[in-house]
Amino acid sequence: MKAIEFKYKERTFLIPAVPFTSVLIYQRYGDYYTDLQGWEVTSEQTMNQIEKQNFHLNIEEDNLEFKITSLTPSVAVKLIDNEVKSFGSFPLTDQDYGQMLDKFYTLEKFLKKEGLID
């Protein structure tokens, strides 16, 4: 079984490489995020059976590491390839609301300055 191994900080994720794979990395309000679907692996030796999940990570100023790997049969049998519901949307945090309000007030100030609103 082929997979993409994604490492961020001390966390390791396996993302199935078949039939297709998508990993979304994006920037919003100056912060970087990734959304992926796969398995989080704590260590190959102690990994219990784990279900596939959706992950939403806030990426700080660290390196991301991706590599395509072949999983050993001993690891592959521990991965439960369950159907995961679509990503949908992740709940907004207080930081998200604060950033949206800052953007709103900046736009409001600009529109008032230009005389487009009162």
C-alpha atoms as a PDB file:
ATOM      1  CA  MET A   1       0.000   0.000   0.000  1.00  0.00           C
ATOM      2  CA  LYS A   2       1.326   3.425  -0.979  1.00  0.00           C
ATOM      3  CA  ALA A   3       0.787   6.447   1.222  1.00  0.00           C
ATOM      4  CA  ILE A   4       1.981   9.981   1.655  1.00  0.00           C
ATOM      5  CA  GLU A   5       3.756  10.464   4.942  1.00  0.00           C
ATOM      6  CA  PHE A   6       3.162  13.977   6.258  1.00  0.00           C
ATOM      7  CA  LYS A   7       5.255  15.194   9.195  1.00  0.00           C
ATOM      8  CA  TYR A   8       4.612  18.359  11.127  1.00  0.00           C
ATOM      9  CA  LYS A   9       6.354  19.077  14.423  1.00  0.00           C
ATOM     10  CA  GLU A  10       6.242  15.824  16.381  1.00  0.00           C
ATOM     11  CA  ARG A  11       3.157  14.494  14.584  1.00  0.00           C
ATOM     12  CA  THR A  12       3.112  12.005  11.713  1.00  0.00           C
ATOM     13  CA  PHE A  13       0.150  11.413   9.414  1.00  0.00           C
ATOM     14  CA  LEU A  14      -0.375   8.793   6.724  1.00  0.00           C
ATOM     15  CA  ILE A  15      -2.555   9.812   3.804  1.00  0.00           C
ATOM     16  CA  PRO A  16      -3.698   7.022   1.455  1.00  0.00           C
ATOM     17  CA  ALA A  17      -2.311   7.506  -2.051  1.00  0.00           C
ATOM     18  CA  VAL A  18      -5.060   5.606  -3.874  1.00  0.00           C
ATOM     19  CA  PRO A  19      -7.443   6.068  -5.606  1.00  0.00           C
ATOM     20  CA  PHE A  20      -6.697   9.790  -5.278  1.00  0.00           C
ATOM     21  CA  THR A  21      -5.340  12.056  -2.598  1.00  0.00           C
ATOM     22  CA  SER A  22      -5.824  15.690  -1.738  1.00  0.00           C
ATOM     23  CA  VAL A  23      -4.043  17.717   0.877  1.00  0.00           C
ATOM     24  CA  LEU A  24      -5.130  21.320   1.154  1.00  0.00           C
ATOM     25  CA  ILE A  25      -2.610  23.875   2.402  1.00  0.00           C
ATOM     26  CA  TYR A  26      -3.811  27.459   2.523  1.00  0.00           C
ATOM     27  CA  GLN A  27      -3.291  30.866   4.099  1.00  0.00           C
ATOM     28  CA  ARG A  28      -6.054  32.837   5.810  1.00  0.00           C
ATOM     29  CA  TYR A  29      -5.539  36.179   7.550  1.00  0.00           C
ATOM     30  CA  GLY A  30      -1.792  35.581   7.682  1.00  0.00           C
ATOM     31  CA  ASP A  31      -2.041  32.128   9.293  1.00  0.00           C
ATOM     32  CA  TYR A  32      -1.328  28.898   7.440  1.00  0.00           C
ATOM     33  CA  TYR A  33      -3.455  25.760   7.655  1.00  0.00           C
ATOM     34  CA  THR A  34      -3.643  22.291   6.216  1.00  0.00           C
ATOM     35  CA  ASP A  35      -6.650  20.004   5.883  1.00  0.00           C
ATOM     36  CA  LEU A  36      -6.030  16.341   5.245  1.00  0.00           C
ATOM     37  CA  GLN A  37      -7.705  12.971   5.601  1.00  0.00           C
ATOM     38  CA  GLY A  38      -5.774   9.995   6.874  1.00  0.00           C
ATOM     39  CA  TRP A  39      -4.321   8.406   9.979  1.00  0.00           C
ATOM     40  CA  GLU A  40      -2.245   9.957  12.741  1.00  0.00           C
ATOM     41  CA  VAL A  41       0.531   7.595  13.757  1.00  0.00           C
ATOM     42  CA  THR A  42       2.185   7.886  17.152  1.00  0.00           C
ATOM     43  CA  SER A  43       4.884   5.272  16.505  1.00  0.00           C
ATOM     44  CA  GLU A  44       5.129   2.217  14.306  1.00  0.00           C
ATOM     45  CA  GLN A  45       5.831  -0.055  17.247  1.00  0.00           C
ATOM     46  CA  THR A  46       2.945   0.995  19.510  1.00  0.00           C
ATOM     47  CA  MET A  47       0.341   1.930  16.925  1.00  0.00           C
ATOM     48  CA  ASN A  48      -3.039   0.374  17.713  1.00  0.00           C
ATOM     49  CA  GLN A  49      -5.762   0.097  15.125  1.00  0.00           C
ATOM     50  CA  ILE A  50      -6.771   3.611  14.206  1.00  0.00           C
ATOM     51  CA  GLU A  51      -9.570   4.987  12.088  1.00  0.00           C
ATOM     52  CA  LYS A  52      -9.128   7.393   9.265  1.00  0.00           C
ATOM     53  CA  GLN A  53     -10.007  10.968  10.322  1.00  0.00           C
ATOM     54  CA  ASN A  54     -10.101  14.538   9.089  1.00  0.00           C
ATOM     55  CA  PHE A  55      -7.419  16.839  10.472  1.00  0.00           C
ATOM     56  CA  HIS A  56      -7.319  20.646  10.457  1.00  0.00           C
ATOM     57  CA  LEU A  57      -3.928  21.931  11.568  1.00  0.00           C
ATOM     58  CA  ASN A  58      -2.770  25.481  12.194  1.00  0.00           C
ATOM     59  CA  ILE A  59       0.755  25.564  10.778  1.00  0.00           C
ATOM     60  CA  GLU A  60       3.178  27.766  12.649  1.00  0.00           C
ATOM     61  CA  GLU A  61       6.673  28.693  11.520  1.00  0.00           C
ATOM     62  CA  ASP A  62       7.896  25.126  11.217  1.00  0.00           C
ATOM     63  CA  ASN A  63       8.825  22.861   8.359  1.00  0.00           C
ATOM     64  CA  LEU A  64       6.422  20.437   6.740  1.00  0.00           C
ATOM     65  CA  GLU A  65       7.751  17.196   5.371  1.00  0.00           C
ATOM     66  CA  PHE A  66       6.044  15.098   2.698  1.00  0.00           C
ATOM     67  CA  LYS A  67       7.224  11.850   1.198  1.00  0.00           C
ATOM     68  CA  ILE A  68       5.650   8.991  -0.717  1.00  0.00           C
ATOM     69  CA  THR A  69       6.221   5.728   1.087  1.00  0.00           C
ATOM     70  CA  SER A  70       5.294   2.072   0.905  1.00  0.00           C
ATOM     71  CA  LEU A  71       3.661   0.832   4.082  1.00  0.00           C
ATOM     72  CA  THR A  72       4.809  -2.427   5.543  1.00  0.00           C
ATOM     73  CA  PRO A  73       2.069  -5.076   5.868  1.00  0.00           C
ATOM     74  CA  SER A  74       2.361  -4.881   9.677  1.00  0.00           C
ATOM     75  CA  VAL A  75       1.423  -1.190   9.555  1.00  0.00           C
ATOM     76  CA  ALA A  76      -1.155  -1.485   6.767  1.00  0.00           C
ATOM     77  CA  VAL A  77      -3.245  -4.070   8.647  1.00  0.00           C
ATOM     78  CA  LYS A  78      -3.594  -1.698  11.616  1.00  0.00           C
ATOM     79  CA  LEU A  79      -5.168   1.054   9.510  1.00  0.00           C
ATOM     80  CA  ILE A  80      -8.948   0.957   9.375  1.00  0.00           C
ATOM     81  CA  ASP A  81      -9.916   2.368   5.983  1.00  0.00           C
ATOM     82  CA  ASN A  82     -13.318   3.639   7.082  1.00  0.00           C
ATOM     83  CA  GLU A  83     -15.390   6.158   5.165  1.00  0.00           C
ATOM     84  CA  VAL A  84     -14.897   9.633   6.575  1.00  0.00           C
ATOM     85  CA  LYS A  85     -17.602  12.222   6.149  1.00  0.00           C
ATOM     86  CA  SER A  86     -16.641  15.190   4.013  1.00  0.00           C
ATOM     87  CA  PHE A  87     -14.578  17.936   5.590  1.00  0.00           C
ATOM     88  CA  GLY A  88     -17.475  20.330   5.715  1.00  0.00           C
ATOM     89  CA  SER A  89     -16.465  23.348   7.691  1.00  0.00           C
ATOM     90  CA  PHE A  90     -14.461  23.584  10.855  1.00  0.00           C
ATOM     91  CA  PRO A  91     -15.821  25.730  13.673  1.00  0.00           C
ATOM     92  CA  LEU A  92     -14.511  29.260  13.804  1.00  0.00           C
ATOM     93  CA  THR A  93     -12.243  30.127  16.697  1.00  0.00           C
ATOM     94  CA  ASP A  94     -12.134  33.351  18.701  1.00  0.00           C
ATOM     95  CA  GLN A  95      -9.040  34.255  16.693  1.00  0.00           C
ATOM     96  CA  ASP A  96     -10.992  33.786  13.435  1.00  0.00           C
ATOM     97  CA  TYR A  97     -13.785  36.078  14.672  1.00  0.00           C
ATOM     98  CA  GLY A  98     -11.243  38.688  15.771  1.00  0.00           C
ATOM     99  CA  GLN A  99      -9.548  38.637  12.361  1.00  0.00           C
ATOM    100  CA  MET A 100     -12.878  38.973  10.559  1.00  0.00           C
ATOM    101  CA  LEU A 101     -13.873  41.914  12.767  1.00  0.00           C
ATOM    102  CA  ASP A 102     -10.523  43.627  12.152  1.00  0.00           C
ATOM    103  CA  LYS A 103     -10.997  43.216   8.417  1.00  0.00           C
ATOM    104  CA  PHE A 104     -14.571  44.542   8.647  1.00  0.00           C
ATOM    105  CA  TYR A 105     -13.536  47.662  10.586  1.00  0.00           C
ATOM    106  CA  THR A 106     -10.658  48.337   8.177  1.00  0.00           C
ATOM    107  CA  LEU A 107     -13.010  48.096   5.201  1.00  0.00           C
ATOM    108  CA  GLU A 108     -15.659  50.207   6.942  1.00  0.00           C
ATOM    109  CA  LYS A 109     -13.074  52.940   7.678  1.00  0.00           C
ATOM    110  CA  PHE A 110     -11.915  52.925   4.054  1.00  0.00           C
ATOM    111  CA  LEU A 111     -15.464  53.131   2.662  1.00  0.00           C
ATOM    112  CA  LYS A 112     -16.306  56.042   4.994  1.00  0.00           C
ATOM    113  CA  LYS A 113     -13.113  57.854   3.982  1.00  0.00           C
ATOM    114  CA  GLU A 114     -14.042  57.435   0.308  1.00  0.00           C
ATOM    115  CA  GLY A 115     -17.564  58.732   1.042  1.00  0.00           C
ATOM    116  CA  LEU A 116     -19.229  55.546  -0.108  1.00  0.00           C
ATOM    117  CA  ILE A 117     -21.023  54.966   3.205  1.00  0.00           C
ATOM    118  CA  ASP A 118     -22.020  57.200   6.117  1.00  0.00           C
END
